[in-house]
Amino acid sequence: MATYVLMTKLTPAALQGASGRRATGHDWKMKVETVCPGLRWIAHYALLGPYDFMDIYEAPDGETAFRVSLLSREYGALTAESWPAVAYPEFLGIADAVEGKPA
């Protein structure tokens, strides 16, 4: 499965009230798991900076990653970006192949 990083910035209204935020987050996660079968969560972080949260997950395909981002927008995200990611050793193999080096 491919790895993705979901970067989310919530609307100001979505950031108000810890109990509402917790319920919305739970509802979002349940909806994602229903609409996106085969998804595997790796990590979830709250951030200081231009994004509020970062989730790392594996998905069976790009269409599933699109669904995760769309559902995030539906549940209060001002922006939600799913970025494909590869582990550094895999990246080095890709770079070697581009440069014509043997693996």
N, C-alpha and C. Protein backbone atom coordinates (compact mmCIF):
# COMPACT_ATOMS: atom_id res chain seq x y z
N MET A 1 0.84 -1.18 0.00
CA MET A 1 0.00 0.00 0.00
C MET A 1 0.88 1.24 0.00
N ALA A 2 0.36 2.31 -0.55
CA ALA A 2 1.07 3.58 -0.60
C ALA A 2 0.88 4.33 0.71
N THR A 3 1.89 5.13 1.08
CA THR A 3 1.84 5.95 2.28
C THR A 3 1.48 7.38 1.90
N TYR A 4 0.64 8.01 2.71
CA TYR A 4 0.22 9.40 2.50
C TYR A 4 0.33 10.17 3.81
N VAL A 5 0.57 11.46 3.67
CA VAL A 5 0.57 12.38 4.80
C VAL A 5 -0.58 13.34 4.57
N LEU A 6 -1.51 13.40 5.53
CA LEU A 6 -2.65 14.31 5.46
C LEU A 6 -2.35 15.52 6.33
N MET A 7 -2.28 16.69 5.71
CA MET A 7 -2.05 17.95 6.42
C MET A 7 -3.38 18.69 6.47
N THR A 8 -3.82 19.02 7.69
CA THR A 8 -5.15 19.60 7.88
C THR A 8 -5.07 20.90 8.66
N LYS A 9 -5.79 21.89 8.18
CA LYS A 9 -6.01 23.14 8.91
C LYS A 9 -7.51 23.27 9.09
N LEU A 10 -7.95 23.39 10.36
CA LEU A 10 -9.36 23.46 10.65
C LEU A 10 -9.89 24.89 10.55
N THR A 11 -11.20 25.00 10.34
CA THR A 11 -11.84 26.31 10.37
C THR A 11 -11.82 26.81 11.81
N PRO A 12 -11.88 28.14 12.03
CA PRO A 12 -11.91 28.65 13.41
C PRO A 12 -13.06 28.05 14.23
N ALA A 13 -14.22 27.86 13.62
CA ALA A 13 -15.36 27.28 14.34
C ALA A 13 -15.07 25.84 14.79
N ALA A 14 -14.34 25.10 13.99
CA ALA A 14 -14.04 23.70 14.32
C ALA A 14 -13.04 23.59 15.46
N LEU A 15 -12.30 24.67 15.73
CA LEU A 15 -11.30 24.65 16.79
C LEU A 15 -11.86 25.02 18.16
N GLN A 16 -13.10 25.43 18.22
CA GLN A 16 -13.67 25.89 19.49
C GLN A 16 -14.31 24.75 20.25
N GLY A 17 -13.94 24.63 21.50
CA GLY A 17 -14.54 23.63 22.38
C GLY A 17 -13.94 22.26 22.24
N ALA A 18 -13.24 21.80 23.29
CA ALA A 18 -12.57 20.50 23.24
C ALA A 18 -13.55 19.35 23.06
N SER A 19 -14.71 19.39 23.72
CA SER A 19 -15.65 18.27 23.61
C SER A 19 -16.22 18.17 22.21
N GLY A 20 -16.55 19.30 21.59
CA GLY A 20 -17.04 19.28 20.22
C GLY A 20 -15.98 18.82 19.25
N ARG A 21 -14.74 19.26 19.49
CA ARG A 21 -13.62 18.87 18.63
C ARG A 21 -13.40 17.36 18.73
N ARG A 22 -13.49 16.83 19.93
CA ARG A 22 -13.29 15.38 20.13
C ARG A 22 -14.39 14.58 19.42
N ALA A 23 -15.64 15.02 19.56
CA ALA A 23 -16.76 14.32 18.92
C ALA A 23 -16.65 14.40 17.40
N THR A 24 -16.32 15.58 16.89
CA THR A 24 -16.17 15.73 15.44
C THR A 24 -15.04 14.85 14.91
N GLY A 25 -13.92 14.82 15.63
CA GLY A 25 -12.80 13.97 15.23
C GLY A 25 -13.18 12.50 15.21
N HIS A 26 -13.92 12.08 16.22
CA HIS A 26 -14.36 10.68 16.27
C HIS A 26 -15.30 10.37 15.11
N ASP A 27 -16.26 11.26 14.86
CA ASP A 27 -17.22 11.05 13.76
C ASP A 27 -16.49 11.01 12.42
N TRP A 28 -15.52 11.91 12.25
CA TRP A 28 -14.74 11.94 11.00
C TRP A 28 -14.00 10.62 10.80
N LYS A 29 -13.33 10.16 11.85
CA LYS A 29 -12.55 8.93 11.72
C LYS A 29 -13.46 7.74 11.39
N MET A 30 -14.61 7.66 12.04
CA MET A 30 -15.55 6.57 11.75
C MET A 30 -16.03 6.63 10.30
N LYS A 31 -16.34 7.83 9.81
CA LYS A 31 -16.79 8.00 8.42
C LYS A 31 -15.69 7.60 7.45
N VAL A 32 -14.45 8.04 7.72
CA VAL A 32 -13.33 7.69 6.85
C VAL A 32 -13.15 6.18 6.80
N GLU A 33 -13.21 5.53 7.93
CA GLU A 33 -13.02 4.08 7.95
C GLU A 33 -14.14 3.34 7.23
N THR A 34 -15.34 3.94 7.19
CA THR A 34 -16.46 3.34 6.46
C THR A 34 -16.32 3.54 4.96
N VAL A 35 -15.99 4.76 4.55
CA VAL A 35 -15.93 5.13 3.12
C VAL A 35 -14.61 4.70 2.47
N CYS A 36 -13.58 4.48 3.28
CA CYS A 36 -12.25 4.17 2.76
C CYS A 36 -11.75 2.83 3.29
N PRO A 37 -12.34 1.73 2.85
CA PRO A 37 -11.88 0.43 3.35
C PRO A 37 -10.42 0.18 2.96
N GLY A 38 -9.73 -0.50 3.84
CA GLY A 38 -8.33 -0.83 3.57
C GLY A 38 -7.35 0.21 4.07
N LEU A 39 -7.84 1.32 4.61
CA LEU A 39 -6.98 2.36 5.14
C LEU A 39 -6.32 1.88 6.43
N ARG A 40 -5.05 2.22 6.63
CA ARG A 40 -4.35 1.87 7.87
C ARG A 40 -3.71 3.11 8.44
N TRP A 41 -4.12 3.51 9.64
CA TRP A 41 -3.56 4.69 10.30
C TRP A 41 -2.20 4.36 10.88
N ILE A 42 -1.23 5.23 10.67
CA ILE A 42 0.11 5.03 11.21
C ILE A 42 0.36 6.00 12.36
N ALA A 43 -0.01 7.28 12.20
CA ALA A 43 0.24 8.27 13.25
C ALA A 43 -0.71 9.46 13.10
N HIS A 44 -0.94 10.16 14.22
CA HIS A 44 -1.77 11.36 14.25
C HIS A 44 -1.09 12.36 15.18
N TYR A 45 -0.81 13.56 14.68
CA TYR A 45 -0.12 14.58 15.46
C TYR A 45 -0.86 15.91 15.40
N ALA A 46 -0.92 16.60 16.54
CA ALA A 46 -1.35 17.99 16.58
C ALA A 46 -0.10 18.83 16.37
N LEU A 47 -0.22 19.94 15.64
CA LEU A 47 0.95 20.72 15.25
C LEU A 47 0.83 22.18 15.68
N LEU A 48 1.97 22.82 15.79
CA LEU A 48 2.06 24.27 15.93
C LEU A 48 2.63 24.76 14.61
N GLY A 49 1.93 25.63 13.92
CA GLY A 49 2.39 26.11 12.62
C GLY A 49 1.22 26.32 11.69
N PRO A 50 1.46 26.28 10.39
CA PRO A 50 0.39 26.58 9.44
C PRO A 50 -0.70 25.51 9.36
N TYR A 51 -0.42 24.30 9.83
CA TYR A 51 -1.42 23.24 9.85
C TYR A 51 -1.73 22.88 11.31
N ASP A 52 -2.93 22.40 11.55
CA ASP A 52 -3.34 22.01 12.90
C ASP A 52 -3.04 20.54 13.21
N PHE A 53 -3.15 19.68 12.18
CA PHE A 53 -2.94 18.25 12.39
C PHE A 53 -2.20 17.63 11.21
N MET A 54 -1.48 16.55 11.50
CA MET A 54 -0.83 15.74 10.48
C MET A 54 -1.16 14.28 10.78
N ASP A 55 -1.70 13.60 9.80
CA ASP A 55 -1.97 12.17 9.91
C ASP A 55 -1.13 11.46 8.87
N ILE A 56 -0.57 10.34 9.26
CA ILE A 56 0.16 9.49 8.33
C ILE A 56 -0.64 8.19 8.21
N TYR A 57 -0.91 7.80 6.97
CA TYR A 57 -1.73 6.60 6.76
C TYR A 57 -1.31 5.90 5.49
N GLU A 58 -1.69 4.65 5.39
CA GLU A 58 -1.51 3.87 4.17
C GLU A 58 -2.86 3.67 3.54
N ALA A 59 -2.90 3.79 2.23
CA ALA A 59 -4.14 3.61 1.47
C ALA A 59 -3.86 2.71 0.27
N PRO A 60 -4.87 1.97 -0.16
CA PRO A 60 -4.67 1.06 -1.29
C PRO A 60 -4.43 1.77 -2.62
N ASP A 61 -4.87 3.06 -2.74
CA ASP A 61 -4.72 3.76 -4.01
C ASP A 61 -4.95 5.26 -3.82
N GLY A 62 -4.66 6.02 -4.87
CA GLY A 62 -4.83 7.47 -4.83
C GLY A 62 -6.27 7.91 -4.66
N GLU A 63 -7.20 7.16 -5.21
CA GLU A 63 -8.62 7.51 -5.06
C GLU A 63 -9.02 7.51 -3.59
N THR A 64 -8.52 6.55 -2.84
CA THR A 64 -8.82 6.51 -1.41
C THR A 64 -8.24 7.72 -0.70
N ALA A 65 -7.05 8.15 -1.09
CA ALA A 65 -6.44 9.35 -0.49
C ALA A 65 -7.29 10.58 -0.80
N PHE A 66 -7.83 10.67 -2.00
CA PHE A 66 -8.75 11.77 -2.35
C PHE A 66 -9.95 11.76 -1.41
N ARG A 67 -10.49 10.58 -1.16
CA ARG A 67 -11.66 10.48 -0.28
C ARG A 67 -11.34 10.99 1.13
N VAL A 68 -10.18 10.62 1.66
CA VAL A 68 -9.78 11.07 3.00
C VAL A 68 -9.75 12.60 3.06
N SER A 69 -9.15 13.23 2.06
CA SER A 69 -9.09 14.70 2.04
C SER A 69 -10.48 15.31 1.90
N LEU A 70 -11.31 14.76 1.04
CA LEU A 70 -12.66 15.29 0.86
C LEU A 70 -13.49 15.16 2.14
N LEU A 71 -13.37 14.05 2.81
CA LEU A 71 -14.10 13.87 4.07
C LEU A 71 -13.59 14.84 5.14
N SER A 72 -12.32 15.13 5.13
CA SER A 72 -11.76 16.09 6.08
C SER A 72 -12.38 17.46 5.88
N ARG A 73 -12.54 17.86 4.62
CA ARG A 73 -13.19 19.15 4.32
C ARG A 73 -14.65 19.13 4.77
N GLU A 74 -15.31 18.01 4.58
CA GLU A 74 -16.71 17.89 4.98
C GLU A 74 -16.88 18.01 6.49
N TYR A 75 -15.86 17.61 7.26
CA TYR A 75 -15.95 17.60 8.72
C TYR A 75 -15.22 18.78 9.37
N GLY A 76 -15.06 19.90 8.68
CA GLY A 76 -14.57 21.10 9.33
C GLY A 76 -13.17 21.55 9.00
N ALA A 77 -12.53 20.91 8.04
CA ALA A 77 -11.19 21.35 7.66
C ALA A 77 -11.30 22.50 6.64
N LEU A 78 -10.56 23.55 6.90
CA LEU A 78 -10.46 24.65 5.95
C LEU A 78 -9.65 24.19 4.75
N THR A 79 -8.57 23.49 5.03
CA THR A 79 -7.75 22.86 3.98
C THR A 79 -7.40 21.44 4.43
N ALA A 80 -7.29 20.56 3.47
CA ALA A 80 -6.88 19.18 3.73
C ALA A 80 -6.12 18.71 2.50
N GLU A 81 -4.86 18.39 2.71
CA GLU A 81 -3.99 17.97 1.60
C GLU A 81 -3.42 16.59 1.92
N SER A 82 -3.59 15.65 1.01
CA SER A 82 -2.97 14.33 1.15
C SER A 82 -1.78 14.27 0.21
N TRP A 83 -0.62 14.10 0.79
CA TRP A 83 0.62 14.05 0.02
C TRP A 83 1.15 12.62 -0.02
N PRO A 84 1.52 12.11 -1.20
CA PRO A 84 2.16 10.79 -1.24
C PRO A 84 3.54 10.89 -0.62
N ALA A 85 3.95 9.83 0.06
CA ALA A 85 5.25 9.81 0.72
C ALA A 85 5.89 8.44 0.52
N VAL A 86 7.21 8.43 0.44
CA VAL A 86 7.95 7.16 0.38
C VAL A 86 9.04 7.20 1.44
N ALA A 87 9.36 6.05 1.99
CA ALA A 87 10.44 5.94 2.96
C ALA A 87 11.76 6.29 2.28
N TYR A 88 12.68 6.84 3.03
CA TYR A 88 13.93 7.31 2.45
C TYR A 88 14.69 6.22 1.69
N PRO A 89 14.81 5.00 2.21
CA PRO A 89 15.51 3.96 1.43
C PRO A 89 14.84 3.71 0.07
N GLU A 90 13.52 3.74 0.05
CA GLU A 90 12.81 3.55 -1.23
C GLU A 90 13.10 4.73 -2.16
N PHE A 91 13.12 5.94 -1.60
CA PHE A 91 13.45 7.13 -2.39
C PHE A 91 14.83 6.99 -3.02
N LEU A 92 15.81 6.49 -2.25
CA LEU A 92 17.16 6.33 -2.79
C LEU A 92 17.17 5.36 -3.97
N GLY A 93 16.37 4.28 -3.88
CA GLY A 93 16.27 3.34 -4.99
C GLY A 93 15.67 4.00 -6.22
N ILE A 94 14.67 4.84 -6.03
CA ILE A 94 14.05 5.57 -7.14
C ILE A 94 15.07 6.52 -7.76
N ALA A 95 15.81 7.23 -6.92
CA ALA A 95 16.82 8.17 -7.41
C ALA A 95 17.91 7.44 -8.19
N ASP A 96 18.33 6.30 -7.69
CA ASP A 96 19.34 5.51 -8.40
C ASP A 96 18.83 5.07 -9.77
N ALA A 97 17.58 4.65 -9.85
CA ALA A 97 17.01 4.21 -11.11
C ALA A 97 16.94 5.37 -12.10
N VAL A 98 16.61 6.56 -11.63
CA VAL A 98 16.55 7.73 -12.51
C VAL A 98 17.94 8.08 -13.03
N GLU A 99 18.93 7.87 -12.18
CA GLU A 99 20.32 8.18 -12.59
C GLU A 99 20.96 7.03 -13.35
N GLY A 100 20.24 5.93 -13.52
CA GLY A 100 20.75 4.79 -14.29
C GLY A 100 21.73 3.94 -13.51
N LYS A 101 21.74 4.04 -12.19
CA LYS A 101 22.64 3.22 -11.36
C LYS A 101 21.97 1.89 -11.07
N PRO A 102 22.75 0.82 -10.97
CA PRO A 102 22.15 -0.47 -10.62
C PRO A 102 21.64 -0.43 -9.18
N ALA A 103 20.57 -1.16 -8.94
CA ALA A 103 19.96 -1.19 -7.60
C ALA A 103 20.79 -1.94 -6.61
